[in-house]
Protein backbone atom coordinates (compact mmCIF):
# COMPACT_ATOMS: atom_id res chain seq x y z
CA UNK A 1 -138.33 -5.35 91.85
CA UNK A 2 -135.27 -5.44 89.60
CA UNK A 3 -131.95 -6.19 91.22
CA UNK A 4 -129.06 -4.05 90.05
CA UNK A 5 -126.16 -6.01 88.64
CA UNK A 6 -122.81 -5.43 90.27
CA UNK A 7 -119.99 -4.27 88.02
CA UNK A 8 -116.31 -5.09 88.29
CA UNK A 9 -113.93 -2.79 86.47
CA UNK A 10 -110.92 -4.76 85.27
CA UNK A 11 -108.75 -1.71 84.89
CA UNK A 12 -105.89 -3.51 83.20
CA UNK A 13 -105.99 -6.85 81.43
CA UNK A 14 -102.89 -5.39 79.81
CA UNK A 15 -101.29 -2.23 81.15
CA UNK A 16 -99.81 0.08 78.55
CA UNK A 17 -97.07 -1.90 76.82
CA UNK A 18 -94.60 -1.52 73.94
CA UNK A 19 -94.48 -4.42 71.47
CA UNK A 20 -91.42 -4.60 69.25
CA UNK A 21 -91.64 -5.10 65.52
CA UNK A 22 -92.08 -8.85 64.95
CA UNK A 23 -93.13 -9.31 68.58
CA UNK A 24 -96.24 -10.57 70.35
CA UNK A 25 -97.83 -9.94 73.77
CA UNK A 26 -100.58 -11.92 75.49
CA UNK A 27 -102.71 -10.13 78.08
CA UNK A 28 -103.51 -11.53 81.48
CA UNK A 29 -106.53 -13.85 81.67
CA UNK A 30 -109.92 -12.73 82.90
CA UNK A 31 -111.72 -15.37 84.97
CA UNK A 32 -115.28 -15.62 83.62
CA UNK A 33 -116.55 -18.25 86.07
CA UNK A 34 -119.08 -16.02 87.85
CA UNK A 35 -119.60 -13.43 85.11
CA UNK A 36 -122.48 -13.01 82.69
CA UNK A 37 -121.31 -10.32 80.27
CA UNK A 38 -118.03 -8.57 79.52
CA UNK A 39 -117.28 -5.39 77.60
CA UNK A 40 -113.73 -5.17 76.27
CA UNK A 41 -111.68 -2.12 75.26
CA UNK A 42 -108.42 -2.09 73.28
CA UNK A 43 -106.26 1.00 72.69
CA UNK A 44 -103.56 0.95 69.99
CA UNK A 45 -100.89 3.46 68.97
CA UNK A 46 -98.08 3.56 66.47
CA UNK A 47 -94.63 4.08 67.96
CA UNK A 48 -92.67 4.54 64.74
CA UNK A 49 -92.97 6.91 61.80
CA UNK A 50 -92.83 4.21 59.14
CA UNK A 51 -95.69 2.30 57.56
CA UNK A 52 -96.27 -1.38 58.14
CA UNK A 53 -96.32 -3.50 54.99
CA UNK A 54 -98.67 -6.37 54.25
CA UNK A 55 -100.76 -6.31 57.42
CA UNK A 56 -100.97 -4.22 60.57
CA UNK A 57 -100.96 -5.44 64.15
CA UNK A 58 -103.72 -7.96 64.84
CA UNK A 59 -105.56 -8.13 68.17
CA UNK A 60 -107.32 -11.43 68.78
CA UNK A 61 -109.99 -11.66 71.48
CA UNK A 62 -109.86 -15.26 72.67
CA UNK A 63 -112.09 -17.27 75.01
CA UNK A 64 -111.65 -20.67 76.64
CA UNK A 65 -114.16 -23.36 77.56
CA UNK A 66 -111.95 -25.08 80.14
CA UNK A 67 -110.51 -23.72 83.38
CA UNK A 68 -106.95 -24.67 82.38
CA UNK A 69 -105.04 -25.57 79.24
CA UNK A 70 -104.74 -24.06 75.80
CA UNK A 71 -108.22 -24.54 74.39
CA UNK A 72 -108.37 -20.94 73.19
CA UNK A 73 -110.85 -19.98 70.47
CA UNK A 74 -110.65 -16.61 68.71
CA UNK A 75 -113.93 -14.77 69.14
CA UNK A 76 -113.07 -11.68 67.10
CA UNK A 77 -110.04 -9.91 65.66
CA UNK A 78 -109.20 -6.25 65.11
CA UNK A 79 -106.43 -5.25 62.68
CA UNK A 80 -104.67 -1.88 62.78
CA UNK A 81 -104.20 0.15 59.62
CA UNK A 82 -100.76 -0.05 58.01
CA UNK A 83 -100.54 3.61 56.91
CA UNK A 84 -97.56 5.63 58.13
CA UNK A 85 -98.74 8.00 60.87
CA UNK A 86 -98.57 11.77 60.84
CA UNK A 87 -95.51 12.68 62.91
CA UNK A 88 -96.82 15.78 64.66
CA UNK A 89 -94.14 17.67 66.60
CA UNK A 90 -95.17 19.84 69.53
CA UNK A 91 -93.23 23.09 69.83
CA UNK A 92 -93.18 23.16 73.64
CA UNK A 93 -94.04 20.97 76.59
CA UNK A 94 -97.74 21.04 77.51
CA UNK A 95 -99.17 20.94 81.02
CA UNK A 96 -102.11 18.84 82.18
CA UNK A 97 -105.41 20.42 81.14
CA UNK A 98 -104.09 21.98 77.93
CA UNK A 99 -106.28 21.58 74.82
CA UNK A 100 -104.50 23.86 72.30
CA UNK A 101 -101.13 22.58 71.11
CA UNK A 102 -98.64 24.58 69.05
CA UNK A 103 -97.02 22.26 66.54
CA UNK A 104 -94.70 22.06 63.55
CA UNK A 105 -95.69 21.83 59.91
CA UNK A 106 -96.92 18.21 60.02
CA UNK A 107 -100.60 18.61 60.96
CA UNK A 108 -102.84 15.58 61.56
CA UNK A 109 -106.34 15.58 60.09
CA UNK A 110 -109.36 16.52 62.20
CA UNK A 111 -110.81 13.32 63.61
CA UNK A 112 -107.43 11.63 63.95
CA UNK A 113 -106.45 9.94 67.22
CA UNK A 114 -102.92 10.82 68.33
CA UNK A 115 -100.72 9.26 71.00
CA UNK A 116 -98.52 11.14 73.46
CA UNK A 117 -95.60 8.96 74.47
CA UNK A 118 -94.42 9.90 77.97
CA UNK A 119 -90.68 9.30 77.86
CA UNK A 120 -90.04 9.03 81.60
CA UNK A 121 -93.26 7.32 82.78
CA UNK A 122 -94.93 5.06 80.23
CA UNK A 123 -98.15 4.89 82.28
CA UNK A 124 -98.54 8.67 81.87
CA UNK A 125 -98.74 8.34 78.09
CA UNK A 126 -102.16 9.10 76.63
CA UNK A 127 -104.44 9.10 73.61
CA UNK A 128 -106.24 12.23 72.35
CA UNK A 129 -108.75 13.12 69.62
CA UNK A 130 -107.96 15.98 67.21
CA UNK A 131 -111.07 18.17 66.91
CA UNK A 132 -109.77 21.34 65.19
CA UNK A 133 -106.65 22.82 63.61
CA UNK A 134 -105.49 26.13 62.22
CA UNK A 135 -102.73 28.73 62.08
CA UNK A 136 -102.10 32.02 63.88
CA UNK A 137 -99.30 34.29 62.67
CA UNK A 138 -97.75 31.43 60.73
CA UNK A 139 -97.79 29.06 63.74
CA UNK A 140 -99.72 25.82 63.30
CA UNK A 141 -101.88 24.49 66.11
CA UNK A 142 -104.40 21.75 66.87
CA UNK A 143 -107.10 21.38 69.50
CA UNK A 144 -107.65 18.09 71.31
CA UNK A 145 -111.07 17.06 72.59
CA UNK A 146 -110.14 16.80 76.27
CA UNK A 147 -107.38 18.45 78.25
CA UNK A 148 -104.17 16.47 78.71
CA UNK A 149 -104.19 14.26 81.80
CA UNK A 150 -100.46 14.73 82.45
CA UNK A 151 -97.59 16.99 81.42
CA UNK A 152 -96.31 15.95 77.99
CA UNK A 153 -92.83 17.05 76.93
CA UNK A 154 -92.15 18.58 73.52
CA UNK A 155 -91.51 15.97 70.88
CA UNK A 156 -93.12 13.81 68.22
CA UNK A 157 -96.72 12.70 68.62
CA UNK A 158 -97.84 9.97 66.22
CA UNK A 159 -101.28 9.87 64.65
CA UNK A 160 -103.44 7.09 63.23
CA UNK A 161 -103.92 5.56 66.66
CA UNK A 162 -107.01 3.38 66.98
CA UNK A 163 -109.47 2.25 69.64
CA UNK A 164 -111.87 -0.69 69.60
CA UNK A 165 -114.69 -1.80 71.86
CA UNK A 166 -116.51 -5.10 72.01
CA UNK A 167 -119.64 -4.66 74.13
CA UNK A 168 -121.73 -7.07 76.18
CA UNK A 169 -120.05 -10.34 75.22
CA UNK A 170 -122.11 -13.21 76.63
CA UNK A 171 -119.56 -15.24 78.60
CA UNK A 172 -121.89 -17.22 80.86
CA UNK A 173 -120.86 -20.54 79.28
CA UNK A 174 -117.13 -19.72 79.14
CA UNK A 175 -114.33 -19.80 81.70
CA UNK A 176 -111.53 -17.43 80.59
CA UNK A 177 -110.83 -14.51 78.25
CA UNK A 178 -107.64 -12.91 76.98
CA UNK A 179 -106.37 -10.67 74.18
CA UNK A 180 -103.32 -11.43 72.02
CA UNK A 181 -101.45 -8.58 70.30
CA UNK A 182 -99.73 -10.14 67.28
CA UNK A 183 -97.23 -7.76 65.66
CA UNK A 184 -95.71 -10.32 63.31
CA UNK A 185 -98.20 -10.63 60.47
CA UNK A 186 -96.86 -8.03 58.05
CA UNK A 187 -93.85 -8.36 55.78
CA UNK A 188 -92.53 -5.18 57.42
CA UNK A 189 -93.69 -4.55 60.99
CA UNK A 190 -93.29 -1.45 63.17
CA UNK A 191 -93.07 -1.00 66.94
CA UNK A 192 -96.48 -0.38 68.56
CA UNK A 193 -98.05 0.42 71.93
CA UNK A 194 -101.29 -1.01 73.33
CA UNK A 195 -103.39 -1.60 76.40
CA UNK A 196 -106.59 -3.51 77.18
CA UNK A 197 -109.28 -3.33 79.85
CA UNK A 198 -112.68 -4.85 80.56
CA UNK A 199 -115.89 -4.08 82.44
CA UNK A 200 -117.64 -7.20 83.72
CA UNK A 201 -121.21 -7.74 84.93
CA UNK A 202 -122.32 -10.64 87.11
């Protein structure tokens, strides 16, 4: 009879965090001592209207063989696109659950991921997928895939956000894991927002 593996949800290796242009942020470490596999999730958003130049923000997934020290080895990297985001402006504040958003003339493409920056409570910021757009009586609108999780005030919403997943990493022979957000690699860097979480199986 098969024994079900227990799962531990590491909700926040890095809670939602703003990294300045030319800055860097290292996540907390995940102890891999008793774990067999880890799935890792990274969410990225642009927090400025300008384009990066040269290279976008790099996220390095690093693992360690030893329990202490700096013997970090980069397992994989993800690099954000440098393109300037669509600066979508919502006409009004939108309550939780809303999927249709009235916006200004800057309309993101269908399939884009946009980021709602919550000015008073950073943790209430959120990512959303654009699934449709159109116009009624001269007013532009977009639909997002899922209803908003929190009230989002009227303001600019930046597109070209990105999300990455690295599934079922075999960590049985490793001791620690972390993610490094390096926002220094371009010749012109822009402020960004990110977060990181993991699901671990024993």
